[in-house]
Amino acid sequence: MASNRASPSPGLSTTPSTKGTKENKKKNLVQLNIKSASATVKNTVVSDKKATKKPRLSSSDQNPVGASDTTGEIAGENDLHSILESLQEIKQGMVTKTDISVVVKNILSELKGDFVKEIKTAIKDEIKKELKTELKTELKGEIEKFTNSNVDEKLKQTRADTNEKFDALNMDLTDIREKIAKEKRELQKMSDDLRITTKNAQQAISMANFNQQYSQKCNIKILGWREKSKEDLKQEFCAFLKQRVKVDVNPHDILAIHRVPGNRNGGPRPIIVRMISPESKTLIMKHRKQMKEEFLMVDHITQQNAMLIQKLKEHELVHSAWYFNSKVFAIDKNDRRYTFDIFDDINKKLRA
């Protein structure tokens, strides 16, 4: 035999320097995606083994001593069959171009599918991102435009309404101020008039009280004199003075004597004695302490003066208060003497 090397498979390069490298690449391709290959390819085993070369026997080895030429021919044919069988096994074990094409197509198909899927996903994400950005920008612009437009319009309208209301309020406020000023002037005038009227009324009441008290200057008020059904008060009073205090009073000096009208209320009614002069009154009043056992004699003072004397006696700074000659007097605890009228401020006057 000229050569024991196996014939190269169709479609594969026969260059000796690159033969091993290409076979390794083919083997790696087969192993790269063995799951997606066909059943034939999955069952295919790539062999790196070269055909086994049998050593060539020399004529002495082929024909040992005592062997015949027939035996040598048979041995040569057996070797040839062995070589052919080895070549057939190598051919069957090698990957064909069709199998490689199928594997490559499957790999490319999967890669293409993954690549397309990734590209689609990337494109979708990019489109979504761009759309989102564009929509956001456009929407923001529209919103700003709409908002600014509406805000400006509403602001203008609000300003106009506010100015109108403000002007109306200013007019109303001006009217109210004028009315208040007018009312204030009228109130001030009324206050002044009231103050004047009050002052005049106080003066009138004070003068009336003084006149009343002056008209009662010669009067004596008797309290607790036993009352009888038929009585001559003038004769009985003169006789009592003459008998008890030895004062001879002419009945003509008594201008009037009578009991105060009204109910008795469980006791005798007071008696008012009007003397002809203050001197005749003083003559009788000097002996009033001697007559306390029978009745009580006091000055006939007005109701306002009586209330004033009562207030003075109840005041903490007043030591004593009394009436004399149509006037009311008081002494404080520092022995200072004061004259009071019915409208005097007691606290202010005592603390001055």
Protein backbone atom coordinates (compact mmCIF):
# COMPACT_ATOMS: atom_id res chain seq x y z
CA MET A 1 0.00 0.00 0.00
CA ALA A 2 1.31 3.38 -0.89
CA SER A 3 -0.11 5.07 2.28
CA ASN A 4 -2.04 4.06 5.42
CA ARG A 5 -3.52 7.62 5.99
CA ALA A 6 -7.32 8.04 5.87
CA SER A 7 -8.82 10.07 3.07
CA PRO A 8 -10.04 13.49 4.18
CA SER A 9 -13.78 14.00 4.56
CA PRO A 10 -15.45 16.08 1.87
CA GLY A 11 -15.66 19.75 2.72
CA LEU A 12 -12.71 19.70 5.14
CA SER A 13 -9.33 21.21 4.38
CA THR A 14 -6.43 18.83 3.91
CA THR A 15 -3.68 21.26 4.80
CA PRO A 16 -1.46 19.39 7.26
CA SER A 17 -0.59 22.47 9.36
CA THR A 18 -4.21 23.43 10.09
CA LYS A 19 -5.83 20.02 10.16
CA GLY A 20 -5.62 19.53 13.95
CA THR A 21 -6.84 23.06 14.67
CA LYS A 22 -9.89 22.76 12.43
CA GLU A 23 -10.79 19.41 13.90
CA ASN A 24 -10.61 20.89 17.39
CA LYS A 25 -12.86 23.81 16.32
CA LYS A 26 -15.35 21.40 14.82
CA LYS A 27 -15.29 19.38 18.00
CA ASN A 28 -15.91 22.53 20.08
CA LEU A 29 -18.79 23.56 17.80
CA VAL A 30 -20.40 20.18 18.26
CA GLN A 31 -20.03 20.45 22.05
CA LEU A 32 -21.22 24.10 22.09
CA ASN A 33 -24.81 23.34 21.31
CA ILE A 34 -25.17 19.57 21.48
CA LYS A 35 -28.67 19.90 22.98
CA SER A 36 -30.06 21.64 19.91
CA ALA A 37 -28.43 19.24 17.38
CA SER A 38 -30.25 16.41 15.76
CA ALA A 39 -30.18 12.88 17.13
CA THR A 40 -27.64 11.86 14.52
CA VAL A 41 -25.34 14.68 15.50
CA LYS A 42 -25.84 14.00 19.23
CA ASN A 43 -24.79 10.39 18.69
CA THR A 44 -21.82 11.35 16.57
CA VAL A 45 -18.43 11.06 18.24
CA VAL A 46 -15.66 13.15 16.85
CA SER A 47 -12.47 11.19 16.90
CA ASP A 48 -9.03 12.66 16.95
CA LYS A 49 -7.47 9.27 16.38
CA LYS A 50 -5.56 8.67 13.20
CA ALA A 51 -5.69 5.43 11.36
CA THR A 52 -3.47 2.81 12.92
CA LYS A 53 -0.55 2.04 10.79
CA LYS A 54 0.71 -1.49 10.81
CA PRO A 55 4.42 -1.93 10.40
CA ARG A 56 5.51 -3.19 7.07
CA LEU A 57 6.99 -6.59 7.34
CA SER A 58 10.14 -7.51 5.59
CA SER A 59 10.31 -10.36 3.24
CA SER A 60 11.94 -12.38 5.88
CA ASP A 61 9.13 -11.54 8.36
CA GLN A 62 6.42 -12.10 5.82
CA ASN A 63 7.79 -15.33 4.72
CA PRO A 64 9.22 -17.08 7.64
CA VAL A 65 11.18 -20.10 7.16
CA GLY A 66 8.92 -22.85 6.05
CA ALA A 67 5.94 -20.41 5.07
CA SER A 68 4.48 -20.43 1.66
CA ASP A 69 3.73 -17.54 -0.77
CA THR A 70 0.04 -18.19 -0.41
CA THR A 71 0.14 -17.41 3.21
CA GLY A 72 1.80 -14.07 2.43
CA GLU A 73 -0.89 -13.04 -0.02
CA ILE A 74 -3.65 -13.88 2.44
CA ALA A 75 -1.93 -11.83 5.11
CA GLY A 76 -1.67 -8.85 2.72
CA GLU A 77 -5.37 -8.99 1.91
CA ASN A 78 -6.24 -9.09 5.61
CA ASP A 79 -4.16 -6.00 6.21
CA LEU A 80 -5.91 -4.23 3.39
CA HIS A 81 -9.34 -5.12 4.81
CA SER A 82 -8.23 -3.92 8.21
CA ILE A 83 -7.11 -0.59 6.75
CA LEU A 84 -10.36 -0.20 4.84
CA GLU A 85 -12.39 -0.96 7.96
CA SER A 86 -10.36 1.57 9.94
CA LEU A 87 -10.91 4.18 7.24
CA GLN A 88 -14.63 3.40 7.24
CA GLU A 89 -14.80 3.82 11.02
CA ILE A 90 -12.92 7.10 10.82
CA LYS A 91 -15.27 8.31 8.09
CA GLN A 92 -18.33 7.37 10.11
CA GLY A 93 -16.94 9.00 13.27
CA MET A 94 -16.14 12.29 11.57
CA VAL A 95 -18.65 15.22 11.52
CA THR A 96 -20.03 16.01 8.11
CA LYS A 97 -20.54 19.44 6.59
CA THR A 98 -24.31 18.99 6.81
CA ASP A 99 -24.16 18.32 10.55
CA ILE A 100 -21.94 21.30 11.07
CA SER A 101 -24.33 23.44 9.03
CA VAL A 102 -27.27 22.26 11.15
CA VAL A 103 -25.42 23.00 14.39
CA VAL A 104 -24.32 26.39 13.14
CA LYS A 105 -27.82 27.19 11.96
CA ASN A 106 -29.28 26.20 15.33
CA ILE A 107 -26.70 28.24 17.19
CA LEU A 108 -27.22 31.22 14.91
CA SER A 109 -30.98 30.84 15.23
CA GLU A 110 -30.79 30.90 19.01
CA LEU A 111 -28.29 33.73 18.99
CA LYS A 112 -30.45 35.58 16.53
CA GLY A 113 -33.53 35.05 18.71
CA ASP A 114 -31.75 36.22 21.87
CA PHE A 115 -30.15 39.09 20.00
CA VAL A 116 -33.43 40.14 18.45
CA LYS A 117 -35.13 39.87 21.83
CA GLU A 118 -32.43 41.97 23.46
CA ILE A 119 -32.58 44.48 20.63
CA LYS A 120 -36.37 44.67 20.89
CA THR A 121 -36.17 45.11 24.64
CA ALA A 122 -33.50 47.79 24.32
CA ILE A 123 -35.47 49.55 21.57
CA LYS A 124 -38.67 49.38 23.64
CA ASP A 125 -36.90 50.75 26.70
CA GLU A 126 -35.30 53.50 24.68
CA ILE A 127 -38.60 54.34 22.99
CA LYS A 128 -40.40 54.33 26.33
CA LYS A 129 -37.73 56.53 27.82
CA GLU A 130 -37.82 58.94 24.91
CA LEU A 131 -41.63 58.95 24.87
CA LYS A 132 -41.76 59.49 28.59
CA THR A 133 -39.28 62.35 28.35
CA GLU A 134 -41.09 63.91 25.41
CA LEU A 135 -44.50 63.47 26.99
CA LYS A 136 -43.23 64.83 30.27
CA THR A 137 -41.71 67.83 28.54
CA GLU A 138 -44.78 68.47 26.41
CA LEU A 139 -47.15 67.91 29.31
CA LYS A 140 -45.10 70.16 31.54
CA GLY A 141 -45.09 72.83 28.88
CA GLU A 142 -48.82 72.54 28.33
CA ILE A 143 -49.50 72.59 32.05
CA GLU A 144 -47.24 75.59 32.55
CA LYS A 145 -48.85 77.31 29.60
CA PHE A 146 -52.36 76.49 30.82
CA THR A 147 -51.51 77.32 34.41
CA ASN A 148 -49.77 80.57 33.57
CA SER A 149 -52.61 81.58 31.30
CA ASN A 150 -55.30 80.73 33.84
CA VAL A 151 -53.31 82.19 36.71
CA ASP A 152 -52.78 85.43 34.83
CA GLU A 153 -56.44 85.65 33.91
CA LYS A 154 -57.61 84.76 37.39
CA LEU A 155 -55.07 87.11 38.90
CA LYS A 156 -56.26 89.94 36.71
CA GLN A 157 -59.89 89.14 37.50
CA THR A 158 -59.11 88.84 41.19
CA ARG A 159 -57.26 92.13 41.18
CA ALA A 160 -60.13 93.80 39.38
CA ASP A 161 -62.68 92.36 41.80
CA THR A 162 -60.49 93.23 44.76
CA ASN A 163 -60.00 96.78 43.58
CA GLU A 164 -63.71 97.14 43.00
CA LYS A 165 -64.54 95.76 46.41
CA PHE A 166 -61.80 97.86 47.96
CA ASP A 167 -63.19 101.00 46.37
CA ALA A 168 -66.67 100.08 47.57
CA LEU A 169 -65.32 99.39 51.05
CA ASN A 170 -63.46 102.72 51.01
CA MET A 171 -66.68 104.50 50.09
CA ASP A 172 -68.57 102.65 52.79
CA LEU A 173 -65.79 103.30 55.26
CA THR A 174 -65.81 106.98 54.39
CA ASP A 175 -69.56 107.12 54.93
CA ILE A 176 -69.22 105.21 58.18
CA ARG A 177 -66.46 107.54 59.35
CA GLU A 178 -68.58 110.57 58.55
CA LYS A 179 -71.53 109.04 60.36
CA ILE A 180 -69.34 108.12 63.33
CA ALA A 181 -67.89 111.62 63.43
CA LYS A 182 -71.37 113.08 63.27
CA GLU A 183 -72.63 110.73 65.95
CA LYS A 184 -69.55 111.49 68.02
CA ARG A 185 -70.20 115.22 67.76
CA GLU A 186 -73.81 114.70 68.67
CA LEU A 187 -72.84 112.40 71.54
CA GLN A 188 -70.31 114.93 72.76
CA LYS A 189 -72.94 117.63 72.61
CA MET A 190 -75.37 115.39 74.44
CA SER A 191 -72.70 114.56 77.03
CA ASP A 192 -71.99 118.24 77.51
CA ASP A 193 -75.68 118.95 77.76
CA LEU A 194 -76.13 116.07 80.18
CA ARG A 195 -73.22 117.26 82.28
CA ILE A 196 -74.63 120.76 82.35
CA THR A 197 -78.11 119.45 83.04
CA THR A 198 -76.80 117.19 85.79
CA LYS A 199 -74.88 120.06 87.31
CA ASN A 200 -77.89 122.33 87.10
CA ALA A 201 -80.12 119.61 88.54
CA GLN A 202 -77.72 119.05 91.42
CA GLN A 203 -77.57 122.74 92.04
CA ALA A 204 -81.33 122.96 91.90
CA ILE A 205 -81.75 120.01 94.28
CA SER A 206 -79.09 121.39 96.57
CA MET A 207 -80.77 124.81 96.58
CA ALA A 208 -84.15 123.21 97.10
CA ASN A 209 -82.76 121.20 100.00
CA PHE A 210 -81.14 124.30 101.43
CA ASN A 211 -84.35 126.31 101.05
CA GLN A 212 -86.36 123.52 102.61
CA GLN A 213 -83.88 123.25 105.43
CA TYR A 214 -83.88 127.02 105.85
CA SER A 215 -87.65 127.06 106.00
CA GLN A 216 -87.40 124.41 108.74
CA LYS A 217 -84.75 126.38 110.60
CA CYS A 218 -87.11 127.24 113.43
CA ASN A 219 -88.75 123.81 113.58
CA ILE A 220 -88.41 121.26 116.38
CA LYS A 221 -89.19 117.58 115.87
CA ILE A 222 -90.49 115.68 118.87
CA LEU A 223 -90.27 111.88 118.88
CA GLY A 224 -92.01 109.55 121.33
CA TRP A 225 -94.57 111.92 122.89
CA ARG A 226 -97.53 109.87 124.00
CA GLU A 227 -100.47 110.35 121.67
CA LYS A 228 -104.05 110.88 122.96
CA SER A 229 -107.36 110.90 121.20
CA LYS A 230 -108.21 114.52 121.99
CA GLU A 231 -105.22 116.72 122.65
CA ASP A 232 -104.26 120.41 122.59
CA LEU A 233 -100.61 120.10 121.66
CA LYS A 234 -99.76 123.83 121.99
CA GLN A 235 -101.16 124.22 125.53
CA GLU A 236 -99.80 120.87 126.66
CA PHE A 237 -96.32 121.64 125.25
CA CYS A 238 -96.15 125.07 126.94
CA ALA A 239 -97.35 123.63 130.25
CA PHE A 240 -94.85 120.78 130.06
CA LEU A 241 -91.94 123.18 129.46
CA LYS A 242 -93.01 125.42 132.29
CA GLN A 243 -93.47 122.54 134.70
CA ARG A 244 -90.46 120.38 133.78
CA VAL A 245 -87.65 122.80 132.78
CA LYS A 246 -89.06 126.08 134.15
CA VAL A 247 -89.20 127.69 130.74
CA ASP A 248 -92.10 130.07 130.21
CA VAL A 249 -93.00 129.92 126.54
CA ASN A 250 -95.69 132.22 125.22
CA PRO A 251 -98.17 130.23 123.11
CA HIS A 252 -97.96 133.03 120.54
CA ASP A 253 -94.28 132.13 119.97
CA ILE A 254 -95.46 128.75 118.62
CA LEU A 255 -96.63 129.37 115.06
CA ALA A 256 -97.75 125.78 114.51
CA ILE A 257 -97.66 122.42 116.21
CA HIS A 258 -99.05 119.16 114.76
CA ARG A 259 -98.35 115.51 114.35
CA VAL A 260 -96.91 114.19 111.06
CA PRO A 261 -99.70 112.69 108.95
CA GLY A 262 -99.63 108.92 108.52
CA ASN A 263 -100.10 105.66 110.36
CA ARG A 264 -98.84 105.21 113.89
CA ASN A 265 -97.07 101.92 113.08
CA GLY A 266 -97.28 100.75 116.66
CA GLY A 267 -96.04 104.04 118.24
CA PRO A 268 -96.88 107.70 118.55
CA ARG A 269 -96.50 109.84 115.46
CA PRO A 270 -93.75 112.51 115.44
CA ILE A 271 -94.72 116.12 116.26
CA ILE A 272 -93.45 119.15 114.35
CA VAL A 273 -93.24 122.44 116.32
CA ARG A 274 -92.69 125.62 114.32
CA MET A 275 -91.33 128.46 116.48
CA ILE A 276 -91.57 132.14 115.71
CA SER A 277 -87.79 132.68 115.72
CA PRO A 278 -84.51 130.80 116.00
CA GLU A 279 -83.96 132.36 119.42
CA SER A 280 -87.19 130.91 120.80
CA LYS A 281 -86.21 127.52 119.32
CA THR A 282 -82.74 127.72 120.90
CA LEU A 283 -84.30 128.55 124.28
CA ILE A 284 -86.23 125.29 124.20
CA MET A 285 -83.48 123.12 122.61
CA LYS A 286 -81.06 123.98 125.42
CA HIS A 287 -83.16 121.82 127.77
CA ARG A 288 -83.68 118.80 125.53
CA LYS A 289 -81.42 116.56 127.59
CA GLN A 290 -83.70 117.08 130.59
CA MET A 291 -86.69 115.86 128.61
CA LYS A 292 -85.24 112.54 127.38
CA GLU A 293 -87.30 110.63 129.90
CA GLU A 294 -90.55 111.88 128.31
CA PHE A 295 -89.66 112.36 124.66
CA LEU A 296 -86.78 113.23 122.31
CA MET A 297 -86.36 116.63 120.71
CA VAL A 298 -84.21 117.06 117.56
CA ASP A 299 -83.78 119.55 114.75
CA HIS A 300 -86.27 119.15 111.95
CA ILE A 301 -83.86 118.42 109.07
CA THR A 302 -84.61 117.41 105.49
CA GLN A 303 -84.45 113.80 104.30
CA GLN A 304 -81.32 114.50 102.16
CA ASN A 305 -79.48 116.01 105.12
CA ALA A 306 -80.50 113.11 107.32
CA MET A 307 -79.10 110.63 104.78
CA LEU A 308 -75.89 112.68 104.51
CA ILE A 309 -75.39 112.66 108.27
CA GLN A 310 -75.99 108.90 108.33
CA LYS A 311 -73.32 108.32 105.61
CA LEU A 312 -70.84 110.50 107.48
CA LYS A 313 -71.35 108.65 110.73
CA GLU A 314 -70.79 105.32 108.97
CA HIS A 315 -67.57 106.45 107.25
CA GLU A 316 -64.35 105.05 108.68
CA LEU A 317 -62.54 108.40 108.69
CA VAL A 318 -65.34 110.38 110.40
CA HIS A 319 -65.42 110.80 114.16
CA SER A 320 -68.75 112.62 114.43
CA ALA A 321 -71.36 114.43 112.26
CA TRP A 322 -74.21 116.83 113.06
CA TYR A 323 -76.56 119.49 111.78
CA PHE A 324 -76.47 123.18 112.76
CA ASN A 325 -78.06 126.28 111.30
CA SER A 326 -79.15 124.69 107.98
CA LYS A 327 -75.73 123.06 107.41
CA VAL A 328 -74.15 119.63 107.99
CA PHE A 329 -70.78 119.38 109.74
CA ALA A 330 -68.32 116.56 110.47
CA ILE A 331 -65.03 116.05 112.30
CA ASP A 332 -62.54 113.42 111.18
CA LYS A 333 -60.30 111.38 113.45
CA ASN A 334 -57.60 114.04 113.17
CA ASP A 335 -60.01 116.64 114.60
CA ARG A 336 -60.36 118.47 111.31
CA ARG A 337 -63.73 120.05 110.72
CA TYR A 338 -65.61 119.88 107.40
CA THR A 339 -68.84 121.28 105.96
CA PHE A 340 -70.70 118.96 103.61
CA ASP A 341 -73.35 119.34 100.97
CA ILE A 342 -75.60 116.50 99.81
CA PHE A 343 -73.64 116.09 96.49
CA ASP A 344 -70.11 116.28 97.91
CA ASP A 345 -67.69 113.38 97.36
CA ILE A 346 -67.05 112.33 100.99
CA ASN A 347 -63.94 110.22 100.26
CA LYS A 348 -62.32 112.83 98.07
CA LYS A 349 -63.02 115.62 100.53
CA LEU A 350 -61.77 113.69 103.58
CA ARG A 351 -58.60 112.42 101.84
CA ALA A 352 -57.64 115.74 100.27
